[in-house]
Amino acid sequence: MVSNAKKVKLEAYNGSIDKNAVVYAIIDVETCFERNVISVGVIITDDISFMPRDFKYYRIPEQENAPAMFADSLELGDFISNPNEYEMKVKYIEAIEGIKDFLSGYSVENLFAYNAGFDKGRLPELRAYRWHDIIEKAAYKQFNNKIPADSVFYGTGRLVRGYTVEDMYRLLVKPRYRETHNALMDTLDELEIMKALGYRVGEYGVIK
């Protein structure tokens, strides 16, 4: 089990949504070594306030016994003080249907993820949504002015190394940070990265 010095109370922001804002979702998937999905975190937000508005966390018990790198981070109660409000243990297909219903309730058409190609590939039933990669802005010097000038870049301006969620959170939000590798908590961290970058949904490309 993960031991955290402090648990947080997870609360949704209920402020009004700007009429010009785009409501979207951030999604994060954790998998076993065989790349089967063991958990999915989803957060609803918008591209003006960047405040968390609703959350869901799905665990897939049928896969949880498979060897996984971050299996000890599955328990949501290790991180928040009100896990029963957000955690559901269901079959994979039930999780997919639950996610679709959740997104539909907020008229979400755009999904964001960090290294989105991986998450999209693990959730083929959600391919009809418009997927965007947070890395598109976070890892490129022309879009992220917090990247040190002496970093090593490809010709495209992308960092050669040092652009994981943990790296970017440390750079943009909080220097002494460790990624939990819990799917829901990671979506919250990725939201903070997007907030720090400040780009609107329409400024991100759609991945194929």
N, C-alpha and C. Protein backbone atom coordinates (compact mmCIF):
# COMPACT_ATOMS: atom_id res chain seq x y z
N MET A 1 0.83 -1.20 0.00
CA MET A 1 0.00 0.00 0.00
C MET A 1 0.87 1.25 0.00
N VAL A 2 0.35 2.29 -0.64
CA VAL A 2 1.08 3.55 -0.68
C VAL A 2 0.85 4.29 0.63
N SER A 3 1.89 4.85 1.17
CA SER A 3 1.77 5.64 2.39
C SER A 3 1.97 7.10 2.06
N ASN A 4 0.92 7.91 2.21
CA ASN A 4 0.99 9.34 1.95
C ASN A 4 0.92 10.10 3.26
N ALA A 5 1.73 11.14 3.37
CA ALA A 5 1.73 11.93 4.59
C ALA A 5 0.43 12.70 4.75
N LYS A 6 -0.24 13.01 3.63
CA LYS A 6 -1.43 13.83 3.68
C LYS A 6 -2.42 13.38 2.63
N LYS A 7 -3.66 13.16 3.05
CA LYS A 7 -4.73 12.90 2.10
C LYS A 7 -5.46 14.20 1.81
N VAL A 8 -6.06 14.29 0.63
CA VAL A 8 -6.79 15.49 0.26
C VAL A 8 -8.27 15.18 0.21
N LYS A 9 -9.07 16.19 0.45
CA LYS A 9 -10.52 16.09 0.27
C LYS A 9 -10.81 16.50 -1.17
N LEU A 10 -11.32 15.57 -1.95
CA LEU A 10 -11.57 15.85 -3.35
C LEU A 10 -12.93 16.53 -3.48
N GLU A 11 -12.93 17.74 -3.99
CA GLU A 11 -14.15 18.50 -4.12
C GLU A 11 -14.27 19.08 -5.53
N ALA A 12 -15.46 19.05 -6.08
CA ALA A 12 -15.70 19.62 -7.40
C ALA A 12 -15.97 21.11 -7.28
N TYR A 13 -15.48 21.85 -8.25
CA TYR A 13 -15.71 23.29 -8.32
C TYR A 13 -17.07 23.54 -8.96
N ASN A 14 -17.91 24.29 -8.28
CA ASN A 14 -19.28 24.50 -8.76
C ASN A 14 -19.52 25.90 -9.32
N GLY A 15 -18.47 26.65 -9.56
CA GLY A 15 -18.63 27.98 -10.12
C GLY A 15 -19.19 27.93 -11.54
N SER A 16 -19.73 29.05 -11.99
CA SER A 16 -20.32 29.10 -13.32
C SER A 16 -19.26 28.94 -14.40
N ILE A 17 -19.67 28.39 -15.52
CA ILE A 17 -18.77 28.19 -16.65
C ILE A 17 -18.91 29.35 -17.62
N ASP A 18 -17.82 29.98 -17.97
CA ASP A 18 -17.83 31.08 -18.93
C ASP A 18 -18.47 30.60 -20.23
N LYS A 19 -19.31 31.44 -20.82
CA LYS A 19 -20.02 31.05 -22.04
C LYS A 19 -19.07 30.77 -23.21
N ASN A 20 -17.86 31.30 -23.13
CA ASN A 20 -16.88 31.08 -24.19
C ASN A 20 -15.97 29.88 -23.93
N ALA A 21 -16.16 29.23 -22.79
CA ALA A 21 -15.30 28.11 -22.42
C ALA A 21 -15.73 26.83 -23.13
N VAL A 22 -14.75 25.97 -23.38
CA VAL A 22 -15.01 24.62 -23.90
C VAL A 22 -14.86 23.64 -22.74
N VAL A 23 -15.90 22.89 -22.48
CA VAL A 23 -15.83 21.86 -21.44
C VAL A 23 -15.21 20.61 -22.05
N TYR A 24 -14.23 20.03 -21.37
CA TYR A 24 -13.53 18.86 -21.89
C TYR A 24 -13.18 17.93 -20.74
N ALA A 25 -12.57 16.81 -21.06
CA ALA A 25 -12.18 15.84 -20.04
C ALA A 25 -10.71 15.51 -20.17
N ILE A 26 -10.09 15.24 -19.04
CA ILE A 26 -8.74 14.69 -19.00
C ILE A 26 -8.88 13.25 -18.53
N ILE A 27 -8.18 12.36 -19.19
CA ILE A 27 -8.31 10.94 -18.89
C ILE A 27 -6.93 10.31 -18.69
N ASP A 28 -6.84 9.39 -17.76
CA ASP A 28 -5.57 8.71 -17.51
C ASP A 28 -5.84 7.23 -17.29
N VAL A 29 -5.00 6.40 -17.88
CA VAL A 29 -5.16 4.95 -17.82
C VAL A 29 -3.93 4.33 -17.16
N GLU A 30 -4.16 3.39 -16.27
CA GLU A 30 -3.08 2.56 -15.76
C GLU A 30 -3.29 1.14 -16.26
N THR A 31 -2.21 0.48 -16.62
CA THR A 31 -2.30 -0.85 -17.20
C THR A 31 -1.38 -1.82 -16.48
N CYS A 32 -1.64 -3.12 -16.70
CA CYS A 32 -0.73 -4.15 -16.22
C CYS A 32 0.39 -4.32 -17.26
N PHE A 33 1.32 -5.21 -16.98
CA PHE A 33 2.43 -5.40 -17.90
C PHE A 33 1.97 -5.90 -19.27
N GLU A 34 0.81 -6.55 -19.31
CA GLU A 34 0.27 -7.02 -20.58
C GLU A 34 -0.52 -5.93 -21.29
N ARG A 35 -0.52 -4.73 -20.72
CA ARG A 35 -1.17 -3.54 -21.27
C ARG A 35 -2.69 -3.61 -21.26
N ASN A 36 -3.23 -4.47 -20.43
CA ASN A 36 -4.67 -4.46 -20.20
C ASN A 36 -4.98 -3.40 -19.16
N VAL A 37 -6.11 -2.74 -19.30
CA VAL A 37 -6.49 -1.64 -18.42
C VAL A 37 -6.86 -2.16 -17.04
N ILE A 38 -6.26 -1.58 -16.01
CA ILE A 38 -6.62 -1.93 -14.63
C ILE A 38 -7.33 -0.78 -13.93
N SER A 39 -7.17 0.44 -14.42
CA SER A 39 -7.89 1.57 -13.83
C SER A 39 -7.93 2.73 -14.81
N VAL A 40 -8.98 3.56 -14.67
CA VAL A 40 -9.14 4.75 -15.51
C VAL A 40 -9.63 5.89 -14.63
N GLY A 41 -8.98 7.03 -14.75
CA GLY A 41 -9.44 8.25 -14.07
C GLY A 41 -9.92 9.25 -15.10
N VAL A 42 -11.01 9.93 -14.79
CA VAL A 42 -11.56 10.94 -15.70
C VAL A 42 -11.95 12.17 -14.89
N ILE A 43 -11.60 13.34 -15.40
CA ILE A 43 -11.96 14.59 -14.75
C ILE A 43 -12.58 15.52 -15.79
N ILE A 44 -13.63 16.22 -15.40
CA ILE A 44 -14.28 17.21 -16.25
C ILE A 44 -13.79 18.59 -15.86
N THR A 45 -13.44 19.41 -16.85
CA THR A 45 -12.98 20.77 -16.60
C THR A 45 -13.35 21.65 -17.78
N ASP A 46 -12.87 22.88 -17.78
CA ASP A 46 -13.08 23.75 -18.94
C ASP A 46 -11.82 24.57 -19.18
N ASP A 47 -11.70 25.12 -20.40
CA ASP A 47 -10.43 25.73 -20.79
C ASP A 47 -10.32 27.21 -20.50
N ILE A 48 -11.15 27.72 -19.59
CA ILE A 48 -10.97 29.08 -19.09
C ILE A 48 -10.67 29.06 -17.59
N SER A 49 -11.48 28.33 -16.83
CA SER A 49 -11.24 28.26 -15.39
C SER A 49 -10.16 27.24 -15.03
N PHE A 50 -10.05 26.16 -15.82
CA PHE A 50 -9.16 25.04 -15.52
C PHE A 50 -9.41 24.50 -14.10
N MET A 51 -10.66 24.53 -13.69
CA MET A 51 -11.03 24.01 -12.37
C MET A 51 -11.68 22.64 -12.52
N PRO A 52 -11.42 21.72 -11.59
CA PRO A 52 -12.05 20.40 -11.66
C PRO A 52 -13.53 20.49 -11.33
N ARG A 53 -14.39 19.96 -12.19
CA ARG A 53 -15.83 20.08 -12.01
C ARG A 53 -16.52 18.77 -11.64
N ASP A 54 -15.94 17.66 -12.04
CA ASP A 54 -16.50 16.36 -11.67
C ASP A 54 -15.44 15.30 -11.94
N PHE A 55 -15.57 14.15 -11.28
CA PHE A 55 -14.55 13.11 -11.35
C PHE A 55 -15.19 11.73 -11.41
N LYS A 56 -14.47 10.80 -12.01
CA LYS A 56 -14.83 9.39 -11.93
C LYS A 56 -13.54 8.57 -11.88
N TYR A 57 -13.61 7.46 -11.16
CA TYR A 57 -12.46 6.56 -11.07
C TYR A 57 -12.97 5.13 -11.17
N TYR A 58 -12.50 4.42 -12.18
CA TYR A 58 -12.93 3.05 -12.43
C TYR A 58 -11.77 2.10 -12.22
N ARG A 59 -12.03 1.06 -11.45
CA ARG A 59 -11.07 -0.03 -11.30
C ARG A 59 -11.65 -1.28 -11.94
N ILE A 60 -10.78 -2.08 -12.56
CA ILE A 60 -11.20 -3.28 -13.27
C ILE A 60 -10.69 -4.49 -12.51
N PRO A 61 -11.46 -5.03 -11.56
CA PRO A 61 -10.99 -6.14 -10.72
C PRO A 61 -10.53 -7.35 -11.50
N GLU A 62 -11.13 -7.62 -12.67
CA GLU A 62 -10.76 -8.80 -13.46
C GLU A 62 -9.31 -8.74 -13.94
N GLN A 63 -8.71 -7.53 -13.92
CA GLN A 63 -7.33 -7.38 -14.36
C GLN A 63 -6.36 -7.07 -13.22
N GLU A 64 -6.89 -6.82 -12.04
CA GLU A 64 -6.03 -6.31 -10.97
C GLU A 64 -5.02 -7.31 -10.44
N ASN A 65 -5.25 -8.59 -10.67
CA ASN A 65 -4.29 -9.58 -10.20
C ASN A 65 -3.13 -9.78 -11.16
N ALA A 66 -3.22 -9.18 -12.35
CA ALA A 66 -2.12 -9.27 -13.31
C ALA A 66 -0.96 -8.41 -12.83
N PRO A 67 0.28 -8.85 -13.03
CA PRO A 67 1.43 -8.04 -12.61
C PRO A 67 1.39 -6.65 -13.24
N ALA A 68 1.61 -5.63 -12.42
CA ALA A 68 1.57 -4.25 -12.90
C ALA A 68 2.59 -3.43 -12.13
N MET A 69 3.17 -2.46 -12.81
CA MET A 69 4.23 -1.66 -12.19
C MET A 69 3.71 -0.83 -11.02
N PHE A 70 2.49 -0.29 -11.15
CA PHE A 70 1.98 0.61 -10.13
C PHE A 70 0.73 0.04 -9.45
N ALA A 71 0.70 -1.27 -9.27
CA ALA A 71 -0.45 -1.93 -8.64
C ALA A 71 -0.68 -1.43 -7.22
N ASP A 72 0.35 -0.98 -6.54
CA ASP A 72 0.20 -0.52 -5.16
C ASP A 72 -0.40 0.88 -5.07
N SER A 73 -0.72 1.49 -6.23
CA SER A 73 -1.33 2.82 -6.23
C SER A 73 -2.80 2.79 -6.62
N LEU A 74 -3.39 1.60 -6.69
CA LEU A 74 -4.78 1.49 -7.14
C LEU A 74 -5.77 2.00 -6.11
N GLU A 75 -5.48 1.84 -4.84
CA GLU A 75 -6.44 2.20 -3.79
C GLU A 75 -6.58 3.72 -3.72
N LEU A 76 -7.74 4.21 -4.10
CA LEU A 76 -7.95 5.66 -4.08
C LEU A 76 -7.92 6.21 -2.66
N GLY A 77 -8.30 5.37 -1.72
CA GLY A 77 -8.29 5.81 -0.32
C GLY A 77 -6.92 6.12 0.23
N ASP A 78 -5.87 5.71 -0.49
CA ASP A 78 -4.52 6.07 -0.07
C ASP A 78 -4.23 7.54 -0.32
N PHE A 79 -5.08 8.19 -1.15
CA PHE A 79 -4.78 9.55 -1.59
C PHE A 79 -5.84 10.56 -1.18
N ILE A 80 -7.11 10.15 -1.07
CA ILE A 80 -8.16 11.09 -0.73
C ILE A 80 -8.98 10.57 0.44
N SER A 81 -9.65 11.49 1.10
CA SER A 81 -10.40 11.12 2.30
C SER A 81 -11.84 10.71 2.02
N ASN A 82 -12.29 10.81 0.77
CA ASN A 82 -13.66 10.45 0.43
C ASN A 82 -13.71 9.57 -0.82
N PRO A 83 -13.01 8.43 -0.82
CA PRO A 83 -12.89 7.62 -2.03
C PRO A 83 -14.20 7.03 -2.53
N ASN A 84 -15.13 6.72 -1.64
CA ASN A 84 -16.37 6.06 -2.06
C ASN A 84 -17.23 6.93 -2.97
N GLU A 85 -16.99 8.23 -2.98
CA GLU A 85 -17.77 9.12 -3.83
C GLU A 85 -17.36 9.00 -5.30
N TYR A 86 -16.17 8.47 -5.56
CA TYR A 86 -15.64 8.51 -6.92
C TYR A 86 -15.21 7.15 -7.47
N GLU A 87 -15.00 6.17 -6.61
CA GLU A 87 -14.43 4.90 -7.04
C GLU A 87 -15.50 3.87 -7.36
N MET A 88 -15.36 3.22 -8.53
CA MET A 88 -16.25 2.14 -8.93
C MET A 88 -15.42 0.95 -9.39
N LYS A 89 -15.76 -0.22 -8.90
CA LYS A 89 -15.11 -1.46 -9.33
C LYS A 89 -16.08 -2.21 -10.24
N VAL A 90 -15.74 -2.26 -11.51
CA VAL A 90 -16.65 -2.81 -12.51
C VAL A 90 -15.87 -3.58 -13.57
N LYS A 91 -16.59 -4.28 -14.42
CA LYS A 91 -15.96 -4.90 -15.58
C LYS A 91 -15.55 -3.82 -16.57
N TYR A 92 -14.60 -4.18 -17.43
CA TYR A 92 -14.07 -3.20 -18.36
C TYR A 92 -15.17 -2.56 -19.21
N ILE A 93 -16.05 -3.36 -19.80
CA ILE A 93 -17.08 -2.81 -20.68
C ILE A 93 -18.03 -1.92 -19.91
N GLU A 94 -18.27 -2.23 -18.63
CA GLU A 94 -19.10 -1.37 -17.80
C GLU A 94 -18.41 -0.04 -17.52
N ALA A 95 -17.10 -0.07 -17.37
CA ALA A 95 -16.35 1.16 -17.20
C ALA A 95 -16.47 2.04 -18.44
N ILE A 96 -16.34 1.43 -19.61
CA ILE A 96 -16.45 2.18 -20.86
C ILE A 96 -17.82 2.83 -20.97
N GLU A 97 -18.87 2.07 -20.70
CA GLU A 97 -20.22 2.63 -20.78
C GLU A 97 -20.42 3.73 -19.75
N GLY A 98 -19.85 3.54 -18.56
CA GLY A 98 -19.93 4.57 -17.54
C GLY A 98 -19.23 5.84 -17.95
N ILE A 99 -18.06 5.71 -18.57
CA ILE A 99 -17.31 6.88 -19.04
C ILE A 99 -18.09 7.61 -20.12
N LYS A 100 -18.65 6.87 -21.05
CA LYS A 100 -19.43 7.49 -22.12
C LYS A 100 -20.61 8.28 -21.56
N ASP A 101 -21.32 7.67 -20.60
CA ASP A 101 -22.45 8.37 -19.97
C ASP A 101 -21.99 9.61 -19.23
N PHE A 102 -20.86 9.49 -18.54
CA PHE A 102 -20.29 10.61 -17.79
C PHE A 102 -19.95 11.76 -18.73
N LEU A 103 -19.28 11.46 -19.84
CA LEU A 103 -18.90 12.49 -20.81
C LEU A 103 -20.13 13.10 -21.47
N SER A 104 -21.10 12.27 -21.78
CA SER A 104 -22.32 12.74 -22.41
C SER A 104 -23.06 13.73 -21.52
N GLY A 105 -23.04 13.48 -20.22
CA GLY A 105 -23.73 14.36 -19.29
C GLY A 105 -23.20 15.78 -19.29
N TYR A 106 -21.96 15.95 -19.73
CA TYR A 106 -21.35 17.28 -19.82
C TYR A 106 -21.13 17.70 -21.27
N SER A 107 -21.70 16.96 -22.21
CA SER A 107 -21.56 17.25 -23.65
C SER A 107 -20.09 17.35 -24.06
N VAL A 108 -19.27 16.48 -23.50
CA VAL A 108 -17.84 16.49 -23.80
C VAL A 108 -17.56 15.80 -25.13
N GLU A 109 -16.78 16.47 -25.97
CA GLU A 109 -16.35 15.90 -27.24
C GLU A 109 -14.84 15.77 -27.33
N ASN A 110 -14.12 16.46 -26.43
CA ASN A 110 -12.66 16.50 -26.47
C ASN A 110 -12.05 15.83 -25.25
N LEU A 111 -11.13 14.90 -25.50
CA LEU A 111 -10.41 14.20 -24.44
C LEU A 111 -8.94 14.57 -24.50
N PHE A 112 -8.37 14.85 -23.34
CA PHE A 112 -6.95 15.15 -23.23
C PHE A 112 -6.27 14.08 -22.39
N ALA A 113 -5.03 13.81 -22.73
CA ALA A 113 -4.22 12.89 -21.93
C ALA A 113 -2.76 13.26 -22.14
N TYR A 114 -1.93 12.83 -21.22
CA TYR A 114 -0.49 13.05 -21.35
C TYR A 114 0.09 11.82 -22.03
N ASN A 115 0.69 12.03 -23.21
CA ASN A 115 1.06 10.93 -24.10
C ASN A 115 -0.21 10.21 -24.53
N ALA A 116 -1.10 10.98 -25.15
CA ALA A 116 -2.47 10.55 -25.41
C ALA A 116 -2.56 9.34 -26.33
N GLY A 117 -1.58 9.13 -27.19
CA GLY A 117 -1.63 7.97 -28.07
C GLY A 117 -1.71 6.67 -27.29
N PHE A 118 -1.04 6.62 -26.14
CA PHE A 118 -1.08 5.42 -25.31
C PHE A 118 -2.49 5.20 -24.75
N ASP A 119 -3.06 6.23 -24.14
CA ASP A 119 -4.37 6.09 -23.52
C ASP A 119 -5.44 5.79 -24.56
N LYS A 120 -5.38 6.48 -25.69
CA LYS A 120 -6.34 6.22 -26.76
C LYS A 120 -6.23 4.78 -27.26
N GLY A 121 -5.00 4.29 -27.36
CA GLY A 121 -4.80 2.93 -27.81
C GLY A 121 -5.34 1.88 -26.86
N ARG A 122 -5.37 2.20 -25.57
CA ARG A 122 -5.88 1.26 -24.57
C ARG A 122 -7.40 1.32 -24.45
N LEU A 123 -8.00 2.38 -24.98
CA LEU A 123 -9.44 2.58 -24.88
C LEU A 123 -10.04 2.73 -26.28
N PRO A 124 -9.97 1.70 -27.10
CA PRO A 124 -10.43 1.83 -28.49
C PRO A 124 -11.91 2.17 -28.62
N GLU A 125 -12.70 1.87 -27.61
CA GLU A 125 -14.13 2.19 -27.66
C GLU A 125 -14.39 3.70 -27.59
N LEU A 126 -13.37 4.47 -27.25
CA LEU A 126 -13.52 5.92 -27.13
C LEU A 126 -12.85 6.66 -28.29
N ARG A 127 -12.54 5.96 -29.35
CA ARG A 127 -11.84 6.58 -30.48
C ARG A 127 -12.66 7.64 -31.20
N ALA A 128 -13.97 7.62 -31.05
CA ALA A 128 -14.82 8.59 -31.75
C ALA A 128 -14.67 10.00 -31.19
N TYR A 129 -14.13 10.13 -30.00
CA TYR A 129 -13.91 11.45 -29.42
C TYR A 129 -12.70 12.11 -30.07
N ARG A 130 -12.59 13.42 -29.91
CA ARG A 130 -11.40 14.15 -30.38
C ARG A 130 -10.34 14.09 -29.27
N TRP A 131 -9.26 13.39 -29.56
CA TRP A 131 -8.19 13.22 -28.58
C TRP A 131 -7.08 14.24 -28.82
N HIS A 132 -6.56 14.79 -27.72
CA HIS A 132 -5.48 15.77 -27.77
C HIS A 132 -4.39 15.37 -26.79
N ASP A 133 -3.16 15.69 -27.16
CA ASP A 133 -2.01 15.30 -26.33
C ASP A 133 -1.45 16.53 -25.61
N ILE A 134 -1.42 16.50 -24.29
CA ILE A 134 -0.88 17.60 -23.50
C ILE A 134 0.60 17.83 -23.82
N ILE A 135 1.29 16.78 -24.19
CA ILE A 135 2.71 16.89 -24.55
C ILE A 135 2.92 17.87 -25.69
N GLU A 136 1.93 18.02 -26.56
CA GLU A 136 2.06 18.89 -27.73
C GLU A 136 2.47 20.31 -27.35
N LYS A 137 2.05 20.77 -26.18
CA LYS A 137 2.45 22.09 -25.70
C LYS A 137 3.52 22.00 -24.62
N ALA A 138 3.42 21.00 -23.76
CA ALA A 138 4.30 20.92 -22.60
C ALA A 138 5.76 20.68 -22.97
N ALA A 139 6.01 19.87 -23.99
CA ALA A 139 7.36 19.39 -24.26
C ALA A 139 8.10 20.16 -25.35
N TYR A 140 7.51 21.25 -25.84
CA TYR A 140 8.11 22.00 -26.94
C TYR A 140 8.50 23.41 -26.49
N LYS A 141 9.72 23.80 -26.81
CA LYS A 141 10.22 25.09 -26.33
C LYS A 141 9.44 26.27 -26.89
N GLN A 142 8.86 26.13 -28.08
CA GLN A 142 8.10 27.23 -28.67
C GLN A 142 6.73 27.43 -28.02
N PHE A 143 6.30 26.45 -27.21
CA PHE A 143 5.01 26.56 -26.55
C PHE A 143 5.12 26.63 -25.03
N ASN A 144 6.24 26.22 -24.49
CA ASN A 144 6.44 26.20 -23.05
C ASN A 144 7.69 27.01 -22.71
N ASN A 145 7.49 28.27 -22.33
CA ASN A 145 8.63 29.15 -22.08
C ASN A 145 9.32 28.90 -20.75
N LYS A 146 8.84 27.91 -19.99
CA LYS A 146 9.50 27.56 -18.74
C LYS A 146 10.61 26.53 -18.95
N ILE A 147 10.68 25.95 -20.12
CA ILE A 147 11.73 24.98 -20.40
C ILE A 147 13.08 25.69 -20.44
N PRO A 148 14.06 25.24 -19.67
CA PRO A 148 15.37 25.90 -19.67
C PRO A 148 15.99 25.93 -21.07
N ALA A 149 16.60 27.06 -21.40
CA ALA A 149 17.16 27.24 -22.74
C ALA A 149 18.30 26.29 -23.03
N ASP A 150 18.97 25.78 -22.00
CA ASP A 150 20.10 24.88 -22.22
C ASP A 150 19.68 23.42 -22.31
N SER A 151 18.38 23.14 -22.37
CA SER A 151 17.91 21.78 -22.55
C SER A 151 18.26 21.27 -23.94
N VAL A 152 18.21 19.97 -24.12
CA VAL A 152 18.52 19.37 -25.42
C VAL A 152 17.21 19.15 -26.17
N PHE A 153 17.16 19.66 -27.42
CA PHE A 153 15.95 19.59 -28.21
C PHE A 153 16.19 18.89 -29.54
N TYR A 154 15.11 18.31 -30.06
CA TYR A 154 15.11 17.88 -31.45
C TYR A 154 14.94 19.11 -32.33
N GLY A 155 15.10 18.95 -33.63
CA GLY A 155 14.92 20.06 -34.55
C GLY A 155 13.52 20.65 -34.52
N THR A 156 12.55 19.86 -34.10
CA THR A 156 11.17 20.33 -34.01
C THR A 156 10.93 21.24 -32.81
N GLY A 157 11.91 21.31 -31.91
CA GLY A 157 11.74 22.07 -30.68
C GLY A 157 11.30 21.23 -29.50
N ARG A 158 11.10 19.95 -29.73
CA ARG A 158 10.67 19.06 -28.65
C ARG A 158 11.87 18.64 -27.81
N LEU A 159 11.63 18.55 -26.50
CA LEU A 159 12.67 18.05 -25.60
C LEU A 159 13.06 16.63 -25.96
N VAL A 160 14.33 16.35 -25.89
CA VAL A 160 14.81 14.99 -26.13
C VAL A 160 14.48 14.10 -24.92
N ARG A 161 14.57 14.68 -23.75
CA ARG A 161 14.30 13.93 -22.51
C ARG A 161 13.75 14.90 -21.47
N GLY A 162 13.25 14.33 -20.37
CA GLY A 162 12.81 15.17 -19.25
C GLY A 162 11.47 15.83 -19.47
N TYR A 163 10.50 15.10 -20.06
CA TYR A 163 9.19 15.70 -20.27
C TYR A 163 8.06 14.79 -19.80
N THR A 164 8.33 13.95 -18.82
CA THR A 164 7.27 13.14 -18.22
C THR A 164 6.32 14.04 -17.43
N VAL A 165 5.20 13.49 -16.99
CA VAL A 165 4.29 14.24 -16.13
C VAL A 165 5.03 14.76 -14.90
N GLU A 166 5.83 13.89 -14.30
CA GLU A 166 6.58 14.31 -13.11
C GLU A 166 7.53 15.45 -13.43
N ASP A 167 8.24 15.35 -14.54
CA ASP A 167 9.17 16.41 -14.95
C ASP A 167 8.44 17.73 -15.15
N MET A 168 7.31 17.69 -15.87
CA MET A 168 6.59 18.91 -16.20
C MET A 168 5.91 19.53 -14.99
N TYR A 169 5.40 18.69 -14.10
CA TYR A 169 4.79 19.23 -12.89
C TYR A 169 5.84 19.94 -12.04
N ARG A 170 7.00 19.35 -11.96
CA ARG A 170 8.08 19.98 -11.20
C ARG A 170 8.50 21.30 -11.83
N LEU A 171 8.51 21.34 -13.13
CA LEU A 171 8.92 22.55 -13.85
C LEU A 171 7.88 23.66 -13.75
N LEU A 172 6.61 23.30 -13.89
CA LEU A 172 5.55 24.30 -14.03
C LEU A 172 4.77 24.59 -12.76
N VAL A 173 4.73 23.64 -11.82
CA VAL A 173 3.82 23.78 -10.68
C VAL A 173 4.55 23.73 -9.34
N LYS A 174 5.21 22.62 -9.07
CA LYS A 174 5.80 22.42 -7.75
C LYS A 174 7.08 21.61 -7.87
N PRO A 175 8.22 22.18 -7.51
CA PRO A 175 9.51 21.50 -7.70
C PRO A 175 9.61 20.15 -6.99
N ARG A 176 9.11 20.06 -5.77
CA ARG A 176 9.24 18.81 -5.01
C ARG A 176 7.95 17.99 -5.15
N TYR A 177 7.83 17.32 -6.28
CA TYR A 177 6.62 16.60 -6.62
C TYR A 177 6.97 15.18 -7.03
N ARG A 178 6.11 14.24 -6.64
CA ARG A 178 6.24 12.86 -7.10
C ARG A 178 4.90 12.39 -7.64
N GLU A 179 4.93 11.84 -8.83
CA GLU A 179 3.72 11.35 -9.45
C GLU A 179 3.20 10.13 -8.67
N THR A 180 1.89 10.07 -8.46
CA THR A 180 1.33 8.96 -7.69
C THR A 180 1.14 7.71 -8.52
N HIS A 181 0.90 7.87 -9.82
CA HIS A 181 0.54 6.76 -10.72
C HIS A 181 -0.79 6.13 -10.30
N ASN A 182 -1.64 6.93 -9.70
CA ASN A 182 -3.04 6.57 -9.53
C ASN A 182 -3.80 7.33 -10.62
N ALA A 183 -4.64 6.63 -11.38
CA ALA A 183 -5.21 7.22 -12.59
C ALA A 183 -6.02 8.49 -12.32
N LEU A 184 -6.78 8.53 -11.23
CA LEU A 184 -7.55 9.74 -10.96
C LEU A 184 -6.66 10.88 -10.47
N MET A 185 -5.76 10.59 -9.55
CA MET A 185 -4.90 11.65 -9.03
C MET A 185 -4.00 12.21 -10.12
N ASP A 186 -3.62 11.37 -11.07
CA ASP A 186 -2.78 11.84 -12.17
C ASP A 186 -3.54 12.79 -13.09
N THR A 187 -4.86 12.56 -13.26
CA THR A 187 -5.61 13.51 -14.09
C THR A 187 -5.62 14.90 -13.44
N LEU A 188 -5.70 14.95 -12.13
CA LEU A 188 -5.66 16.23 -11.44
C LEU A 188 -4.32 16.93 -11.64
N ASP A 189 -3.24 16.15 -11.60
CA ASP A 189 -1.92 16.71 -11.83
C ASP A 189 -1.78 17.22 -13.26
N GLU A 190 -2.33 16.47 -14.20
CA GLU A 190 -2.26 16.88 -15.61
C GLU A 190 -3.09 18.13 -15.85
N LEU A 191 -4.19 18.28 -15.10
CA LEU A 191 -4.96 19.52 -15.18
C LEU A 191 -4.12 20.70 -14.72
N GLU A 192 -3.35 20.53 -13.67
CA GLU A 192 -2.49 21.61 -13.19
C GLU A 192 -1.44 21.99 -14.23
N ILE A 193 -0.93 21.01 -14.94
CA ILE A 193 0.02 21.29 -16.02
C ILE A 193 -0.66 22.09 -17.11
N MET A 194 -1.87 21.68 -17.50
CA MET A 194 -2.60 22.41 -18.54
C MET A 194 -2.92 23.83 -18.09
N LYS A 195 -3.28 24.00 -16.84
CA LYS A 195 -3.56 25.33 -16.31
C LYS A 195 -2.33 26.21 -16.38
N ALA A 196 -1.19 25.66 -16.02
CA ALA A 196 0.06 26.42 -16.07
C ALA A 196 0.43 26.80 -17.50
N LEU A 197 0.16 25.94 -18.44
CA LEU A 197 0.44 26.23 -19.85
C LEU A 197 -0.54 27.26 -20.41
N GLY A 198 -1.80 27.15 -20.02
CA GLY A 198 -2.78 28.18 -20.35
C GLY A 198 -3.40 28.15 -21.73
N TYR A 199 -3.24 27.07 -22.48
CA TYR A 199 -3.77 27.02 -23.83
C TYR A 199 -5.23 26.57 -23.84
N ARG A 200 -5.98 27.11 -24.80
CA ARG A 200 -7.37 26.71 -25.01
C ARG A 200 -7.43 25.40 -25.79
N VAL A 201 -8.57 24.73 -25.72
CA VAL A 201 -8.74 23.45 -26.41
C VAL A 201 -8.41 23.57 -27.90
N GLY A 202 -8.90 24.63 -28.54
CA GLY A 202 -8.70 24.80 -29.97
C GLY A 202 -7.27 25.02 -30.41
N GLU A 203 -6.38 25.27 -29.44
CA GLU A 203 -4.97 25.48 -29.76
C GLU A 203 -4.19 24.17 -29.79
N TYR A 204 -4.82 23.07 -29.43
CA TYR A 204 -4.20 21.75 -29.49
C TYR A 204 -4.68 21.04 -30.75
N GLY A 205 -3.79 20.30 -31.36
CA GLY A 205 -4.17 19.50 -32.50
C GLY A 205 -4.91 18.24 -32.06
N VAL A 206 -5.55 17.58 -33.00
CA VAL A 206 -6.25 16.30 -32.75
C VAL A 206 -5.34 15.18 -33.20
N ILE A 207 -5.09 14.20 -32.33
CA ILE A 207 -4.23 13.10 -32.71
C ILE A 207 -5.05 12.04 -33.45
N LYS A 208 -4.40 11.29 -34.29
CA LYS A 208 -5.07 10.23 -35.06
C LYS A 208 -4.87 8.90 -34.39
